[in-house]
Amino acid sequence: MNSSDMPSRLVKAFSVNGSKNAIATDSSSSTTSSGTATYDSGFPPITMQAISAGGIPPAGKDFNGVLYDITNKLKWYDGGGAYPFDATFASAVGGYPAGAVIPSSDFYGFWQNTIDANSTSPENSSGSVTGWVPHSFYGSASVSVSTANVTLPTLTAARNELILSGALTGNRYLYIPAWVKSWRIVNNCTGSYAVFISTPSGTITVQSYPGTTMNIRCDGTGVYRIQPSQLATSGYQYLDSGLLIQWGTVDITPGASVTVNYPVSFQNSAFIGVASKGSSISGTDYSCGIDVSKTYATITNGTNTGGSTTAQGIRWFVLGY
């Protein structure tokens, strides 16, 4: 097929203004004897018998009713319409099949089903995994975190960006569904505490602090920073661009050089390094220098004109990728 084969869209359902019958789902003895069409049996046998043999002609209103139902749905689909989850429908058809995609109840996104015969709603307040996963969703979700732990409803957690707010009165947990999914966390909370982000049964968490923004990912069990990091006195931070920042401290006597191994090796190159003496310096101290490579840095502490031989704390950081 070619894109030029696209059929024209329906702007009116068949017999929208005509005479038609509402077609029942199930047949009965009454519809069978009267020749009335139903969805489970179609036109009954009596409509297929000769009139001379007691047959009844199929009703034009039934034809109009059937064609109206079909074309009315086609018109809805032509307009890009779809149907949110419906428990009654799911029960009647034996559940939604794997691969089904339906809009959310607020029509701001879509759910994708991953299991056959799924009669469970994708939306719940407990954050439970139901076989439905976010397909695509528009916008961000605001989440209030303050005096208690928070479990995200699935409809809230389906957004790609979660904006946290509230006055933290202690460390709090934010529980997200155990999906394989990424989020951007914008922490606009106040207070000297952290929000621990975890799945309900997960043991691997990420800490989010007020005033920070981070990207996280859940693998279906634990939660991780998308940009790996080691936030410690000697540590590192990867950025989305591929830039790697590494830092640390080392004690060096004046006039001596020390080789420092990075927490992780640069894969390609170390661009630049900076080393600085700590606060315990005087006017007799010279500056220090640093030479960088992919796996280590050589730091030289400048001599002290006062003749001091006491080791001094050197703080350093290196940029690379």
C-alpha atoms as a PDB file:
ATOM      1  CA  MET A   1       0.000   0.000   0.000  1.00  0.00           C
ATOM      2  CA  ASN A   2       1.001   3.608  -0.533  1.00  0.00           C
ATOM      3  CA  SER A   3       0.200   6.741   1.414  1.00  0.00           C
ATOM      4  CA  SER A   4      -1.772   7.910  -1.631  1.00  0.00           C
ATOM      5  CA  ASP A   5      -4.159   4.993  -0.989  1.00  0.00           C
ATOM      6  CA  MET A   6      -5.494   6.701   2.140  1.00  0.00           C
ATOM      7  CA  PRO A   7      -9.326   6.580   2.023  1.00  0.00           C
ATOM      8  CA  SER A   8     -11.372   9.674   2.741  1.00  0.00           C
ATOM      9  CA  ARG A   9     -12.500  10.228   6.317  1.00  0.00           C
ATOM     10  CA  LEU A  10     -16.071   9.833   7.447  1.00  0.00           C
ATOM     11  CA  VAL A  11     -17.640  13.079   8.610  1.00  0.00           C
ATOM     12  CA  LYS A  12     -21.061  11.517   9.239  1.00  0.00           C
ATOM     13  CA  ALA A  13     -22.075   8.087  10.411  1.00  0.00           C
ATOM     14  CA  PHE A  14     -24.387   6.115   8.114  1.00  0.00           C
ATOM     15  CA  SER A  15     -28.050   7.012   8.762  1.00  0.00           C
ATOM     16  CA  VAL A  16     -27.130   9.487  11.480  1.00  0.00           C
ATOM     17  CA  ASN A  17     -30.340  11.367  10.668  1.00  0.00           C
ATOM     18  CA  GLY A  18     -32.266   8.373   9.303  1.00  0.00           C
ATOM     19  CA  SER A  19     -34.612   5.839  10.819  1.00  0.00           C
ATOM     20  CA  LYS A  20     -32.744   3.037  12.572  1.00  0.00           C
ATOM     21  CA  ASN A  21     -33.062   0.483  15.325  1.00  0.00           C
ATOM     22  CA  ALA A  22     -30.725   0.221  18.299  1.00  0.00           C
ATOM     23  CA  ILE A  23     -29.142  -3.191  17.806  1.00  0.00           C
ATOM     24  CA  ALA A  24     -29.186  -5.377  20.907  1.00  0.00           C
ATOM     25  CA  THR A  25     -26.113  -7.370  21.926  1.00  0.00           C
ATOM     26  CA  ASP A  26     -27.880 -10.643  22.751  1.00  0.00           C
ATOM     27  CA  SER A  27     -30.719 -12.390  20.995  1.00  0.00           C
ATOM     28  CA  SER A  28     -33.851 -13.760  22.623  1.00  0.00           C
ATOM     29  CA  SER A  29     -36.868 -15.824  21.630  1.00  0.00           C
ATOM     30  CA  SER A  30     -38.641 -12.567  20.885  1.00  0.00           C
ATOM     31  CA  THR A  31     -35.979 -11.233  18.509  1.00  0.00           C
ATOM     32  CA  THR A  32     -35.648 -14.641  16.826  1.00  0.00           C
ATOM     33  CA  SER A  33     -39.374 -14.933  16.125  1.00  0.00           C
ATOM     34  CA  SER A  34     -39.745 -11.311  15.027  1.00  0.00           C
ATOM     35  CA  GLY A  35     -36.768 -11.370  12.669  1.00  0.00           C
ATOM     36  CA  THR A  36     -34.921  -8.660  14.637  1.00  0.00           C
ATOM     37  CA  ALA A  37     -31.160  -8.453  14.163  1.00  0.00           C
ATOM     38  CA  THR A  38     -28.818  -8.733  17.190  1.00  0.00           C
ATOM     39  CA  TYR A  39     -25.046  -8.727  17.456  1.00  0.00           C
ATOM     40  CA  ASP A  40     -24.650 -12.235  18.763  1.00  0.00           C
ATOM     41  CA  SER A  41     -26.732 -13.942  16.042  1.00  0.00           C
ATOM     42  CA  GLY A  42     -27.071 -11.358  13.282  1.00  0.00           C
ATOM     43  CA  PHE A  43     -30.262 -11.657  11.291  1.00  0.00           C
ATOM     44  CA  PRO A  44     -32.207 -14.715  12.530  1.00  0.00           C
ATOM     45  CA  PRO A  45     -33.035 -17.655  10.234  1.00  0.00           C
ATOM     46  CA  ILE A  46     -36.619 -16.525   9.736  1.00  0.00           C
ATOM     47  CA  THR A  47     -35.356 -13.546   7.687  1.00  0.00           C
ATOM     48  CA  MET A  48     -33.719 -15.991   5.293  1.00  0.00           C
ATOM     49  CA  GLN A  49     -36.871 -17.964   4.515  1.00  0.00           C
ATOM     50  CA  ALA A  50     -39.232 -17.253   1.679  1.00  0.00           C
ATOM     51  CA  ILE A  51     -42.190 -15.151   2.660  1.00  0.00           C
ATOM     52  CA  SER A  52     -44.469 -17.843   1.206  1.00  0.00           C
ATOM     53  CA  ALA A  53     -42.937 -20.257   3.709  1.00  0.00           C
ATOM     54  CA  GLY A  54     -43.556 -17.939   6.680  1.00  0.00           C
ATOM     55  CA  GLY A  55     -40.374 -15.940   6.427  1.00  0.00           C
ATOM     56  CA  ILE A  56     -40.037 -12.293   7.508  1.00  0.00           C
ATOM     57  CA  PRO A  57     -37.999  -9.802   5.415  1.00  0.00           C
ATOM     58  CA  PRO A  58     -35.016  -8.266   7.279  1.00  0.00           C
ATOM     59  CA  ALA A  59     -35.861  -4.770   8.492  1.00  0.00           C
ATOM     60  CA  GLY A  60     -34.271  -1.785   6.804  1.00  0.00           C
ATOM     61  CA  LYS A  61     -34.042  -0.113  10.211  1.00  0.00           C
ATOM     62  CA  ASP A  62     -31.888  -2.995  11.429  1.00  0.00           C
ATOM     63  CA  PHE A  63     -29.545  -2.520   8.465  1.00  0.00           C
ATOM     64  CA  ASN A  64     -29.378   1.200   9.221  1.00  0.00           C
ATOM     65  CA  GLY A  65     -28.731   0.461  12.910  1.00  0.00           C
ATOM     66  CA  VAL A  66     -25.862  -1.945  12.193  1.00  0.00           C
ATOM     67  CA  LEU A  67     -24.230   0.334   9.634  1.00  0.00           C
ATOM     68  CA  TYR A  68     -24.671   3.324  11.925  1.00  0.00           C
ATOM     69  CA  ASP A  69     -22.846   1.573  14.773  1.00  0.00           C
ATOM     70  CA  ILE A  70     -19.983   0.538  12.499  1.00  0.00           C
ATOM     71  CA  THR A  71     -19.537   3.853  10.727  1.00  0.00           C
ATOM     72  CA  ASN A  72     -19.982   5.863  13.917  1.00  0.00           C
ATOM     73  CA  LYS A  73     -16.973   4.050  15.379  1.00  0.00           C
ATOM     74  CA  LEU A  74     -15.024   4.538  12.151  1.00  0.00           C
ATOM     75  CA  LYS A  75     -15.764   8.263  12.296  1.00  0.00           C
ATOM     76  CA  TRP A  76     -14.438   8.329  15.876  1.00  0.00           C
ATOM     77  CA  TYR A  77     -11.246   6.562  14.798  1.00  0.00           C
ATOM     78  CA  ASP A  78     -10.903   8.857  11.766  1.00  0.00           C
ATOM     79  CA  GLY A  79     -10.807  11.739  14.231  1.00  0.00           C
ATOM     80  CA  GLY A  80      -8.018  10.069  16.187  1.00  0.00           C
ATOM     81  CA  GLY A  81     -10.334   8.985  18.987  1.00  0.00           C
ATOM     82  CA  ALA A  82      -9.815   5.987  21.265  1.00  0.00           C
ATOM     83  CA  TYR A  83     -11.430   4.505  24.365  1.00  0.00           C
ATOM     84  CA  PRO A  84     -10.075   4.633  27.951  1.00  0.00           C
ATOM     85  CA  PHE A  85     -10.114   1.538  30.143  1.00  0.00           C
ATOM     86  CA  ASP A  86     -13.593   0.168  30.800  1.00  0.00           C
ATOM     87  CA  ALA A  87     -14.034  -2.561  33.411  1.00  0.00           C
ATOM     88  CA  THR A  88     -17.437  -3.668  32.033  1.00  0.00           C
ATOM     89  CA  PHE A  89     -16.027  -3.983  28.515  1.00  0.00           C
ATOM     90  CA  ALA A  90     -12.947  -5.827  29.807  1.00  0.00           C
ATOM     91  CA  SER A  91     -15.122  -8.340  31.655  1.00  0.00           C
ATOM     92  CA  ALA A  92     -17.345  -8.881  28.612  1.00  0.00           C
ATOM     93  CA  VAL A  93     -14.464  -9.592  26.191  1.00  0.00           C
ATOM     94  CA  GLY A  94     -12.159 -11.491  28.554  1.00  0.00           C
ATOM     95  CA  GLY A  95      -9.733  -8.645  29.168  1.00  0.00           C
ATOM     96  CA  TYR A  96      -7.499  -6.500  26.979  1.00  0.00           C
ATOM     97  CA  PRO A  97      -4.874  -8.242  24.807  1.00  0.00           C
ATOM     98  CA  ALA A  98      -1.138  -7.686  25.123  1.00  0.00           C
ATOM     99  CA  GLY A  99      -0.101  -4.751  22.953  1.00  0.00           C
ATOM    100  CA  ALA A 100      -3.349  -2.831  23.427  1.00  0.00           C
ATOM    101  CA  VAL A 101      -2.867   0.943  23.693  1.00  0.00           C
ATOM    102  CA  ILE A 102      -5.608   3.035  25.320  1.00  0.00           C
ATOM    103  CA  PRO A 103      -5.837   6.664  26.455  1.00  0.00           C
ATOM    104  CA  SER A 104      -5.640   7.582  30.125  1.00  0.00           C
ATOM    105  CA  SER A 105      -8.758   8.708  31.949  1.00  0.00           C
ATOM    106  CA  ASP A 106      -7.647  12.361  31.729  1.00  0.00           C
ATOM    107  CA  PHE A 107      -6.780  12.010  28.008  1.00  0.00           C
ATOM    108  CA  TYR A 108      -3.263  13.374  28.593  1.00  0.00           C
ATOM    109  CA  GLY A 109      -1.474  10.166  27.702  1.00  0.00           C
ATOM    110  CA  PHE A 110      -1.671   6.511  26.719  1.00  0.00           C
ATOM    111  CA  TRP A 111      -1.267   3.189  28.506  1.00  0.00           C
ATOM    112  CA  GLN A 112       0.219   0.099  26.848  1.00  0.00           C
ATOM    113  CA  ASN A 113      -0.803  -3.375  27.980  1.00  0.00           C
ATOM    114  CA  THR A 114       1.897  -6.036  28.368  1.00  0.00           C
ATOM    115  CA  ILE A 115      -0.164  -9.139  29.252  1.00  0.00           C
ATOM    116  CA  ASP A 116      -3.056 -10.964  27.636  1.00  0.00           C
ATOM    117  CA  ALA A 117      -6.551 -11.103  29.151  1.00  0.00           C
ATOM    118  CA  ASN A 118      -5.898  -8.065  31.341  1.00  0.00           C
ATOM    119  CA  SER A 119      -9.039  -6.916  33.145  1.00  0.00           C
ATOM    120  CA  THR A 120      -7.228  -4.722  35.695  1.00  0.00           C
ATOM    121  CA  SER A 121      -7.362  -0.947  35.369  1.00  0.00           C
ATOM    122  CA  PRO A 122      -4.031   0.757  34.650  1.00  0.00           C
ATOM    123  CA  GLU A 123      -4.896   3.521  37.102  1.00  0.00           C
ATOM    124  CA  ASN A 124      -4.795   3.046  40.865  1.00  0.00           C
ATOM    125  CA  SER A 125      -3.827   5.035  43.952  1.00  0.00           C
ATOM    126  CA  SER A 126      -1.499   2.382  45.387  1.00  0.00           C
ATOM    127  CA  GLY A 127       1.089   2.501  42.589  1.00  0.00           C
ATOM    128  CA  SER A 128       0.584  -1.223  42.020  1.00  0.00           C
ATOM    129  CA  VAL A 129       1.918  -2.824  38.854  1.00  0.00           C
ATOM    130  CA  THR A 130      -1.028  -4.011  36.749  1.00  0.00           C
ATOM    131  CA  GLY A 131       0.456  -5.149  33.447  1.00  0.00           C
ATOM    132  CA  TRP A 132      -0.167  -1.690  32.001  1.00  0.00           C
ATOM    133  CA  VAL A 133       2.817   0.664  31.534  1.00  0.00           C
ATOM    134  CA  PRO A 134       3.046   4.312  30.431  1.00  0.00           C
ATOM    135  CA  HIS A 135       3.223   4.570  26.643  1.00  0.00           C
ATOM    136  CA  SER A 136       3.470   8.348  26.294  1.00  0.00           C
ATOM    137  CA  PHE A 137       2.237  11.172  28.511  1.00  0.00           C
ATOM    138  CA  TYR A 138       2.147  14.955  28.221  1.00  0.00           C
ATOM    139  CA  GLY A 139       3.159  17.430  30.906  1.00  0.00           C
ATOM    140  CA  SER A 140       4.520  17.219  34.425  1.00  0.00           C
ATOM    141  CA  ALA A 141       2.950  16.211  37.724  1.00  0.00           C
ATOM    142  CA  SER A 142       3.045  18.158  40.986  1.00  0.00           C
ATOM    143  CA  VAL A 143       3.711  16.081  44.096  1.00  0.00           C
ATOM    144  CA  SER A 144       3.349  17.394  47.647  1.00  0.00           C
ATOM    145  CA  VAL A 145       5.865  15.929  50.117  1.00  0.00           C
ATOM    146  CA  SER A 146       5.942  17.252  53.667  1.00  0.00           C
ATOM    147  CA  THR A 147       5.077  15.420  56.864  1.00  0.00           C
ATOM    148  CA  ALA A 148       4.656  11.834  55.593  1.00  0.00           C
ATOM    149  CA  ASN A 149       5.892   9.379  52.991  1.00  0.00           C
ATOM    150  CA  VAL A 150       4.103   9.535  49.636  1.00  0.00           C
ATOM    151  CA  THR A 151       3.028   6.732  47.302  1.00  0.00           C
ATOM    152  CA  LEU A 152       2.414   7.977  43.769  1.00  0.00           C
ATOM    153  CA  PRO A 153      -0.807   6.950  42.000  1.00  0.00           C
ATOM    154  CA  THR A 154      -0.035   5.393  38.638  1.00  0.00           C
ATOM    155  CA  LEU A 155      -1.622   8.273  36.703  1.00  0.00           C
ATOM    156  CA  THR A 156       0.699  10.742  38.491  1.00  0.00           C
ATOM    157  CA  ALA A 157       3.781   8.546  38.115  1.00  0.00           C
ATOM    158  CA  ALA A 158       3.135   8.148  34.377  1.00  0.00           C
ATOM    159  CA  ARG A 159       4.409  11.692  33.743  1.00  0.00           C
ATOM    160  CA  ASN A 160       8.064  12.044  32.790  1.00  0.00           C
ATOM    161  CA  GLU A 161       8.640  15.001  35.114  1.00  0.00           C
ATOM    162  CA  LEU A 162       7.730  15.074  38.808  1.00  0.00           C
ATOM    163  CA  ILE A 163       7.844  18.439  40.592  1.00  0.00           C
ATOM    164  CA  LEU A 164       8.135  18.050  44.362  1.00  0.00           C
ATOM    165  CA  SER A 165       7.009  20.744  46.789  1.00  0.00           C
ATOM    166  CA  GLY A 166       6.338  21.115  50.496  1.00  0.00           C
ATOM    167  CA  ALA A 167       8.117  21.891  53.760  1.00  0.00           C
ATOM    168  CA  LEU A 168      10.005  18.753  54.749  1.00  0.00           C
ATOM    169  CA  THR A 169       9.828  18.006  58.466  1.00  0.00           C
ATOM    170  CA  GLY A 170      12.092  14.952  58.140  1.00  0.00           C
ATOM    171  CA  ASN A 171      13.514  12.580  55.568  1.00  0.00           C
ATOM    172  CA  ARG A 172      10.647  11.264  53.444  1.00  0.00           C
ATOM    173  CA  TYR A 173      10.148   8.390  50.995  1.00  0.00           C
ATOM    174  CA  LEU A 174       8.541   8.867  47.606  1.00  0.00           C
ATOM    175  CA  TYR A 175       7.383   5.505  46.257  1.00  0.00           C
ATOM    176  CA  ILE A 176       7.123   5.114  42.493  1.00  0.00           C
ATOM    177  CA  PRO A 177       5.678   2.120  40.598  1.00  0.00           C
ATOM    178  CA  ALA A 178       8.134  -0.672  39.763  1.00  0.00           C
ATOM    179  CA  TRP A 179       8.212   0.121  36.051  1.00  0.00           C
ATOM    180  CA  VAL A 180      11.179   0.239  33.694  1.00  0.00           C
ATOM    181  CA  LYS A 181      11.026   3.986  33.207  1.00  0.00           C
ATOM    182  CA  SER A 182      12.919   7.274  33.558  1.00  0.00           C
ATOM    183  CA  TRP A 183      11.863  10.433  35.385  1.00  0.00           C
ATOM    184  CA  ARG A 184      13.109  13.988  35.816  1.00  0.00           C
ATOM    185  CA  ILE A 185      12.822  14.984  39.476  1.00  0.00           C
ATOM    186  CA  VAL A 186      12.566  18.699  40.275  1.00  0.00           C
ATOM    187  CA  ASN A 187      12.793  19.145  44.053  1.00  0.00           C
ATOM    188  CA  ASN A 188      11.258  22.473  45.089  1.00  0.00           C
ATOM    189  CA  CYS A 189      10.797  21.379  48.693  1.00  0.00           C
ATOM    190  CA  THR A 190      12.167  23.340  51.637  1.00  0.00           C
ATOM    191  CA  GLY A 191      13.908  22.076  54.754  1.00  0.00           C
ATOM    192  CA  SER A 192      17.195  20.376  55.623  1.00  0.00           C
ATOM    193  CA  TYR A 193      16.058  16.886  54.717  1.00  0.00           C
ATOM    194  CA  ALA A 194      16.049  14.544  51.719  1.00  0.00           C
ATOM    195  CA  VAL A 195      13.404  12.739  49.705  1.00  0.00           C
ATOM    196  CA  PHE A 196      14.343   9.085  49.172  1.00  0.00           C
ATOM    197  CA  ILE A 197      12.910   7.805  45.875  1.00  0.00           C
ATOM    198  CA  SER A 198      12.200   4.086  45.775  1.00  0.00           C
ATOM    199  CA  THR A 199       9.833   1.420  44.524  1.00  0.00           C
ATOM    200  CA  PRO A 200       7.473   0.068  47.232  1.00  0.00           C
ATOM    201  CA  SER A 201       9.598  -3.058  47.773  1.00  0.00           C
ATOM    202  CA  GLY A 202      12.934  -1.811  46.450  1.00  0.00           C
ATOM    203  CA  THR A 203      16.111  -1.567  48.486  1.00  0.00           C
ATOM    204  CA  ILE A 204      18.058   0.667  46.081  1.00  0.00           C
ATOM    205  CA  THR A 205      17.052   4.314  46.432  1.00  0.00           C
ATOM    206  CA  VAL A 206      18.084   7.733  45.187  1.00  0.00           C
ATOM    207  CA  GLN A 207      18.247  10.779  47.447  1.00  0.00           C
ATOM    208  CA  SER A 208      16.786  14.047  46.178  1.00  0.00           C
ATOM    209  CA  TYR A 209      17.575  17.262  48.045  1.00  0.00           C
ATOM    210  CA  PRO A 210      15.661  20.568  48.026  1.00  0.00           C
ATOM    211  CA  GLY A 211      16.776  22.886  45.245  1.00  0.00           C
ATOM    212  CA  THR A 212      18.104  20.129  42.986  1.00  0.00           C
ATOM    213  CA  THR A 213      17.058  18.576  39.695  1.00  0.00           C
ATOM    214  CA  MET A 214      18.075  15.061  38.684  1.00  0.00           C
ATOM    215  CA  ASN A 215      17.278  12.349  36.174  1.00  0.00           C
ATOM    216  CA  ILE A 216      16.580   8.894  37.560  1.00  0.00           C
ATOM    217  CA  ARG A 217      15.736   5.494  36.146  1.00  0.00           C
ATOM    218  CA  CYS A 218      13.989   2.456  37.569  1.00  0.00           C
ATOM    219  CA  ASP A 219      14.886  -1.001  36.262  1.00  0.00           C
ATOM    220  CA  GLY A 220      11.697  -2.545  37.620  1.00  0.00           C
ATOM    221  CA  THR A 221      13.237  -3.116  41.046  1.00  0.00           C
ATOM    222  CA  GLY A 222      15.707  -0.435  42.117  1.00  0.00           C
ATOM    223  CA  VAL A 223      16.031   3.280  41.387  1.00  0.00           C
ATOM    224  CA  TYR A 224      19.278   4.808  40.074  1.00  0.00           C
ATOM    225  CA  ARG A 225      20.668   8.125  38.918  1.00  0.00           C
ATOM    226  CA  ILE A 226      20.871   8.191  35.133  1.00  0.00           C
ATOM    227  CA  GLN A 227      24.167  10.098  35.456  1.00  0.00           C
ATOM    228  CA  PRO A 228      26.390   7.823  37.602  1.00  0.00           C
ATOM    229  CA  SER A 229      28.023   9.586  40.506  1.00  0.00           C
ATOM    230  CA  GLN A 230      29.978   9.100  43.686  1.00  0.00           C
ATOM    231  CA  LEU A 231      29.139  11.935  46.026  1.00  0.00           C
ATOM    232  CA  ALA A 232      31.922  11.785  48.576  1.00  0.00           C
ATOM    233  CA  THR A 233      35.133  13.591  49.529  1.00  0.00           C
ATOM    234  CA  SER A 234      36.758  11.730  46.644  1.00  0.00           C
ATOM    235  CA  GLY A 235      34.130  11.374  43.949  1.00  0.00           C
ATOM    236  CA  TYR A 236      32.862  11.966  40.459  1.00  0.00           C
ATOM    237  CA  GLN A 237      29.806  13.027  38.474  1.00  0.00           C
ATOM    238  CA  TYR A 238      28.851  12.163  34.897  1.00  0.00           C
ATOM    239  CA  LEU A 239      26.780  14.710  32.965  1.00  0.00           C
ATOM    240  CA  ASP A 240      24.330  14.062  30.122  1.00  0.00           C
ATOM    241  CA  SER A 241      26.783  15.596  27.641  1.00  0.00           C
ATOM    242  CA  GLY A 242      29.352  12.913  28.492  1.00  0.00           C
ATOM    243  CA  LEU A 243      31.485  15.286  30.552  1.00  0.00           C
ATOM    244  CA  LEU A 244      32.984  13.672  33.641  1.00  0.00           C
ATOM    245  CA  ILE A 245      33.956  15.730  36.704  1.00  0.00           C
ATOM    246  CA  GLN A 246      36.244  14.146  39.309  1.00  0.00           C
ATOM    247  CA  TRP A 247      37.575  15.539  42.549  1.00  0.00           C
ATOM    248  CA  GLY A 248      39.379  14.704  45.777  1.00  0.00           C
ATOM    249  CA  THR A 249      41.876  15.764  48.414  1.00  0.00           C
ATOM    250  CA  VAL A 250      45.428  14.697  49.193  1.00  0.00           C
ATOM    251  CA  ASP A 251      48.060  15.703  51.774  1.00  0.00           C
ATOM    252  CA  ILE A 252      51.425  16.763  50.263  1.00  0.00           C
ATOM    253  CA  THR A 253      54.479  18.262  51.930  1.00  0.00           C
ATOM    254  CA  PRO A 254      55.772  21.524  50.445  1.00  0.00           C
ATOM    255  CA  GLY A 255      58.025  20.959  47.444  1.00  0.00           C
ATOM    256  CA  ALA A 256      56.849  17.359  46.901  1.00  0.00           C
ATOM    257  CA  SER A 257      54.760  15.679  44.169  1.00  0.00           C
ATOM    258  CA  VAL A 258      52.126  12.955  44.567  1.00  0.00           C
ATOM    259  CA  THR A 259      50.314  10.790  41.997  1.00  0.00           C
ATOM    260  CA  VAL A 260      46.564  10.571  42.592  1.00  0.00           C
ATOM    261  CA  ASN A 261      44.493   7.847  40.921  1.00  0.00           C
ATOM    262  CA  TYR A 262      41.020   8.959  39.856  1.00  0.00           C
ATOM    263  CA  PRO A 263      37.908   7.226  41.227  1.00  0.00           C
ATOM    264  CA  VAL A 264      37.195   6.187  37.587  1.00  0.00           C
ATOM    265  CA  SER A 265      39.309   6.444  34.445  1.00  0.00           C
ATOM    266  CA  PHE A 266      38.489   8.888  31.654  1.00  0.00           C
ATOM    267  CA  GLN A 267      37.612   6.928  28.527  1.00  0.00           C
ATOM    268  CA  ASN A 268      38.968   9.472  26.049  1.00  0.00           C
ATOM    269  CA  SER A 269      40.803  12.391  27.556  1.00  0.00           C
ATOM    270  CA  ALA A 270      41.278  14.580  30.623  1.00  0.00           C
ATOM    271  CA  PHE A 271      40.904  18.221  29.582  1.00  0.00           C
ATOM    272  CA  ILE A 272      42.048  20.253  32.508  1.00  0.00           C
ATOM    273  CA  GLY A 273      42.858  19.962  36.198  1.00  0.00           C
ATOM    274  CA  VAL A 274      42.913  22.494  39.009  1.00  0.00           C
ATOM    275  CA  ALA A 275      44.599  22.061  42.402  1.00  0.00           C
ATOM    276  CA  SER A 276      44.428  24.411  45.344  1.00  0.00           C
ATOM    277  CA  LYS A 277      45.804  24.453  48.853  1.00  0.00           C
ATOM    278  CA  GLY A 278      43.379  24.327  51.730  1.00  0.00           C
ATOM    279  CA  SER A 279      42.607  27.069  54.199  1.00  0.00           C
ATOM    280  CA  SER A 280      45.684  26.487  56.400  1.00  0.00           C
ATOM    281  CA  ILE A 281      48.132  28.472  54.296  1.00  0.00           C
ATOM    282  CA  SER A 282      50.068  31.637  54.877  1.00  0.00           C
ATOM    283  CA  GLY A 283      51.711  34.347  52.853  1.00  0.00           C
ATOM    284  CA  THR A 284      54.880  32.272  52.644  1.00  0.00           C
ATOM    285  CA  ASP A 285      53.169  29.435  50.678  1.00  0.00           C
ATOM    286  CA  TYR A 286      53.549  29.068  46.959  1.00  0.00           C
ATOM    287  CA  SER A 287      50.758  27.727  44.772  1.00  0.00           C
ATOM    288  CA  CYS A 288      50.522  24.115  43.581  1.00  0.00           C
ATOM    289  CA  GLY A 289      50.348  22.588  40.115  1.00  0.00           C
ATOM    290  CA  ILE A 290      48.645  19.608  38.487  1.00  0.00           C
ATOM    291  CA  ASP A 291      49.334  17.486  35.381  1.00  0.00           C
ATOM    292  CA  VAL A 292      46.484  15.259  34.221  1.00  0.00           C
ATOM    293  CA  SER A 293      46.145  12.021  32.252  1.00  0.00           C
ATOM    294  CA  LYS A 294      43.275   9.603  31.639  1.00  0.00           C
ATOM    295  CA  THR A 295      43.860   7.544  34.789  1.00  0.00           C
ATOM    296  CA  TYR A 296      45.731   9.737  37.257  1.00  0.00           C
ATOM    297  CA  ALA A 297      46.957  13.243  38.081  1.00  0.00           C
ATOM    298  CA  THR A 298      50.334  14.360  39.363  1.00  0.00           C
ATOM    299  CA  ILE A 299      50.023  17.160  41.899  1.00  0.00           C
ATOM    300  CA  THR A 300      52.985  19.226  43.035  1.00  0.00           C
ATOM    301  CA  ASN A 301      52.832  21.305  46.193  1.00  0.00           C
ATOM    302  CA  GLY A 302      54.776  24.542  45.922  1.00  0.00           C
ATOM    303  CA  THR A 303      57.606  25.170  48.375  1.00  0.00           C
ATOM    304  CA  ASN A 304      57.208  27.213  51.514  1.00  0.00           C
ATOM    305  CA  THR A 305      59.570  30.150  51.873  1.00  0.00           C
ATOM    306  CA  GLY A 306      59.287  29.812  55.605  1.00  0.00           C
ATOM    307  CA  GLY A 307      60.858  26.378  55.394  1.00  0.00           C
ATOM    308  CA  SER A 308      57.820  24.464  56.684  1.00  0.00           C
ATOM    309  CA  THR A 309      57.791  20.715  55.978  1.00  0.00           C
ATOM    310  CA  THR A 310      54.300  20.043  57.324  1.00  0.00           C
ATOM    311  CA  ALA A 311      52.021  18.272  54.839  1.00  0.00           C
ATOM    312  CA  GLN A 312      49.201  20.425  53.525  1.00  0.00           C
ATOM    313  CA  GLY A 313      45.767  19.438  52.274  1.00  0.00           C
ATOM    314  CA  ILE A 314      45.435  19.905  48.508  1.00  0.00           C
ATOM    315  CA  ARG A 315      41.994  20.000  46.918  1.00  0.00           C
ATOM    316  CA  TRP A 316      41.777  19.079  43.250  1.00  0.00           C
ATOM    317  CA  PHE A 317      39.311  18.485  40.439  1.00  0.00           C
ATOM    318  CA  VAL A 318      39.694  17.336  36.835  1.00  0.00           C
ATOM    319  CA  LEU A 319      37.388  17.657  33.811  1.00  0.00           C
ATOM    320  CA  GLY A 320      37.347  15.143  30.944  1.00  0.00           C
ATOM    321  CA  TYR A 321      35.233  12.646  29.050  1.00  0.00           C
END
